[in-house]
C-alpha atoms as a PDB file:
ATOM      1  CA  MET A   1     104.586  97.929 124.567  1.00  0.00           C
ATOM      2  CA  ALA A   2     102.549 100.806 123.095  1.00  0.00           C
ATOM      3  CA  GLU A   3     104.301 103.715 121.439  1.00  0.00           C
ATOM      4  CA  GLU A   4     103.852 107.213 122.759  1.00  0.00           C
ATOM      5  CA  GLY A   5     101.603 109.479 120.719  1.00  0.00           C
ATOM      6  CA  GLN A   6      99.292 106.680 119.578  1.00  0.00           C
ATOM      7  CA  ASP A   7      96.248 107.937 121.474  1.00  0.00           C
ATOM      8  CA  GLY A   8      94.450 108.864 118.238  1.00  0.00           C
ATOM      9  CA  ALA A   9      94.224 112.587 118.967  1.00  0.00           C
ATOM     10  CA  GLY A  10      93.391 114.457 115.785  1.00  0.00           C
ATOM     11  CA  SER A  11      92.538 111.269 113.907  1.00  0.00           C
ATOM     12  CA  GLY A  12      89.301 109.719 112.850  1.00  0.00           C
ATOM     13  CA  ALA A  13      88.110 106.362 114.091  1.00  0.00           C
ATOM     14  CA  ASP A  14      89.654 104.676 111.067  1.00  0.00           C
ATOM     15  CA  GLY A  15      93.057 106.326 111.587  1.00  0.00           C
ATOM     16  CA  THR A  16      92.600 109.014 108.925  1.00  0.00           C
ATOM     17  CA  ARG A  17      93.117 112.686 109.521  1.00  0.00           C
ATOM     18  CA  ASP A  18      90.198 114.958 110.374  1.00  0.00           C
ATOM     19  CA  GLY A  19      88.678 117.136 107.663  1.00  0.00           C
ATOM     20  CA  ALA A  20      86.369 116.624 104.740  1.00  0.00           C
ATOM     21  CA  ASP A  21      89.160 116.636 102.161  1.00  0.00           C
ATOM     22  CA  GLY A  22      91.583 114.483 104.123  1.00  0.00           C
ATOM     23  CA  THR A  23      93.513 117.380 105.592  1.00  0.00           C
ATOM     24  CA  GLY A  24      93.278 118.419 109.211  1.00  0.00           C
ATOM     25  CA  ASP A  25      93.986 121.642 111.039  1.00  0.00           C
ATOM     26  CA  ALA A  26      97.644 120.704 111.354  1.00  0.00           C
ATOM     27  CA  ASP A  27      97.902 120.361 107.572  1.00  0.00           C
ATOM     28  CA  ALA A  28      96.172 123.725 107.041  1.00  0.00           C
ATOM     29  CA  LEU A  29      98.609 125.419 109.417  1.00  0.00           C
ATOM     30  CA  SER A  30     101.553 123.647 107.805  1.00  0.00           C
ATOM     31  CA  ALA A  31     100.431 124.689 104.313  1.00  0.00           C
ATOM     32  CA  TRP A  32     100.040 128.301 105.472  1.00  0.00           C
ATOM     33  CA  ALA A  33     103.459 128.321 107.154  1.00  0.00           C
ATOM     34  CA  PHE A  34     105.238 126.651 104.228  1.00  0.00           C
ATOM     35  CA  ALA A  35     103.569 129.039 101.755  1.00  0.00           C
ATOM     36  CA  SER A  36     104.638 132.076 103.767  1.00  0.00           C
ATOM     37  CA  PHE A  37     108.208 130.830 104.074  1.00  0.00           C
ATOM     38  CA  HIS A  38     108.521 129.792 100.427  1.00  0.00           C
ATOM     39  CA  ALA A  39     106.980 133.013  99.085  1.00  0.00           C
ATOM     40  CA  ALA A  40     109.348 135.119 101.190  1.00  0.00           C
ATOM     41  CA  LEU A  41     112.313 132.964 100.187  1.00  0.00           C
ATOM     42  CA  LEU A  42     111.367 133.135  96.498  1.00  0.00           C
ATOM     43  CA  LEU A  43     111.388 136.925  96.747  1.00  0.00           C
ATOM     44  CA  VAL A  44     114.371 137.576  99.015  1.00  0.00           C
ATOM     45  CA  VAL A  45     116.955 135.245  97.447  1.00  0.00           C
ATOM     46  CA  PRO A  46     116.624 136.456  93.827  1.00  0.00           C
ATOM     47  CA  LEU A  47     116.469 140.108  94.922  1.00  0.00           C
ATOM     48  CA  ALA A  48     119.538 139.703  97.137  1.00  0.00           C
ATOM     49  CA  LEU A  49     121.472 138.010  94.340  1.00  0.00           C
ATOM     50  CA  ALA A  50     120.415 140.623  91.804  1.00  0.00           C
ATOM     51  CA  HIS A  51     121.339 143.407  94.212  1.00  0.00           C
ATOM     52  CA  ALA A  52     124.767 141.850  94.760  1.00  0.00           C
ATOM     53  CA  VAL A  53     125.375 141.638  90.998  1.00  0.00           C
ATOM     54  CA  ALA A  54     123.811 144.916  89.803  1.00  0.00           C
ATOM     55  CA  PRO A  55     122.620 147.163  92.641  1.00  0.00           C
ATOM     56  CA  ASN A  56     121.588 150.063  90.381  1.00  0.00           C
ATOM     57  CA  ALA A  57     119.398 147.855  88.179  1.00  0.00           C
ATOM     58  CA  VAL A  58     117.470 146.442  91.125  1.00  0.00           C
ATOM     59  CA  GLY A  59     116.931 149.860  92.642  1.00  0.00           C
ATOM     60  CA  GLY A  60     115.543 151.179  89.369  1.00  0.00           C
ATOM     61  CA  LEU A  61     113.265 148.176  88.970  1.00  0.00           C
ATOM     62  CA  LEU A  62     111.868 148.445  92.475  1.00  0.00           C
ATOM     63  CA  ALA A  63     111.432 152.214  92.170  1.00  0.00           C
ATOM     64  CA  GLY A  64     109.139 151.606  89.208  1.00  0.00           C
ATOM     65  CA  LEU A  65     106.739 149.476  91.249  1.00  0.00           C
ATOM     66  CA  ASP A  66     104.107 150.995  93.478  1.00  0.00           C
ATOM     67  CA  THR A  67     102.831 149.436  96.694  1.00  0.00           C
ATOM     68  CA  LEU A  68      99.606 148.071  95.234  1.00  0.00           C
ATOM     69  CA  VAL A  69     101.403 146.245  92.421  1.00  0.00           C
ATOM     70  CA  GLY A  70     103.991 144.845  94.865  1.00  0.00           C
ATOM     71  CA  VAL A  71     101.331 143.556  97.241  1.00  0.00           C
ATOM     72  CA  ALA A  72      99.343 142.048  94.360  1.00  0.00           C
ATOM     73  CA  LEU A  73     102.413 140.241  93.006  1.00  0.00           C
ATOM     74  CA  TYR A  74     103.285 138.947  96.477  1.00  0.00           C
ATOM     75  CA  LEU A  75      99.730 137.678  97.022  1.00  0.00           C
ATOM     76  CA  VAL A  76      99.768 135.853  93.678  1.00  0.00           C
ATOM     77  CA  LEU A  77     103.086 134.224  94.591  1.00  0.00           C
ATOM     78  CA  TRP A  78     101.876 133.390  98.112  1.00  0.00           C
ATOM     79  CA  GLY A  79      98.601 131.947  96.801  1.00  0.00           C
ATOM     80  CA  SER A  80     100.330 129.699  94.308  1.00  0.00           C
ATOM     81  CA  THR A  81     102.797 128.401  96.912  1.00  0.00           C
ATOM     82  CA  TRP A  82      99.942 127.880  99.413  1.00  0.00           C
ATOM     83  CA  TRP A  83      97.959 125.916  96.830  1.00  0.00           C
ATOM     84  CA  SER A  84     100.919 123.723  95.837  1.00  0.00           C
ATOM     85  CA  ASN A  85     101.987 123.088  99.450  1.00  0.00           C
ATOM     86  CA  ARG A  86      98.407 122.218 100.453  1.00  0.00           C
ATOM     87  CA  ARG A  87      98.157 119.713  97.594  1.00  0.00           C
ATOM     88  CA  TYR A  88     101.542 118.205  98.499  1.00  0.00           C
ATOM     89  CA  LEU A  89     100.593 117.823 102.161  1.00  0.00           C
ATOM     90  CA  ALA A  90      97.232 116.297 101.220  1.00  0.00           C
ATOM     91  CA  ALA A  91      98.910 113.786  98.893  1.00  0.00           C
ATOM     92  CA  CYS A  92     101.466 112.637 101.467  1.00  0.00           C
ATOM     93  CA  GLU A  93     100.780 110.467 104.461  1.00  0.00           C
ATOM     94  CA  PHE A  94     103.044 111.594 107.257  1.00  0.00           C
ATOM     95  CA  ASP A  95     103.893 109.320 110.146  1.00  0.00           C
ATOM     96  CA  ASP A  96     102.452 110.994 113.251  1.00  0.00           C
ATOM     97  CA  SER A  97     104.458 108.994 115.770  1.00  0.00           C
ATOM     98  CA  ARG A  98     106.744 111.062 117.994  1.00  0.00           C
ATOM     99  CA  GLY A  99     109.795 108.888 117.405  1.00  0.00           C
ATOM    100  CA  SER A 100     109.731 109.130 113.616  1.00  0.00           C
ATOM    101  CA  SER A 101     112.409 110.711 111.499  1.00  0.00           C
ATOM    102  CA  GLY A 102     109.892 113.209 110.113  1.00  0.00           C
ATOM    103  CA  ARG A 103     109.785 111.644 106.670  1.00  0.00           C
ATOM    104  CA  ALA A 104     106.680 111.091 104.634  1.00  0.00           C
ATOM    105  CA  ARG A 105     105.503 107.613 103.822  1.00  0.00           C
ATOM    106  CA  GLY A 106     104.718 106.515 100.295  1.00  0.00           C
ATOM    107  CA  GLY A 107     108.078 107.038  98.639  1.00  0.00           C
ATOM    108  CA  VAL A 108     108.257 110.793  99.200  1.00  0.00           C
ATOM    109  CA  PRO A 109     111.308 111.846 101.228  1.00  0.00           C
END
């Protein structure tokens, strides 16, 4: 009996993902989404903890930054998380079957 989701959509004839570098559109979207989430999380959690411990220090630090510097720092953080997530997703082979547990194959949980 054939499993659902094995119609080959989004895969090459040899079962590999579409894309010249081994990543498909789904991987590009996943890398973008993970990078956005991780960059926001890496900013919000430390700032929230610092604000809970020393609210006046955080306010003074943030007051010293202007918008351009803040956006530049965020873009550097987002770019580095996007790059690392894209490399991680390209290195892992995920099981595309619908009934899987969502884990990567190849020893990576």
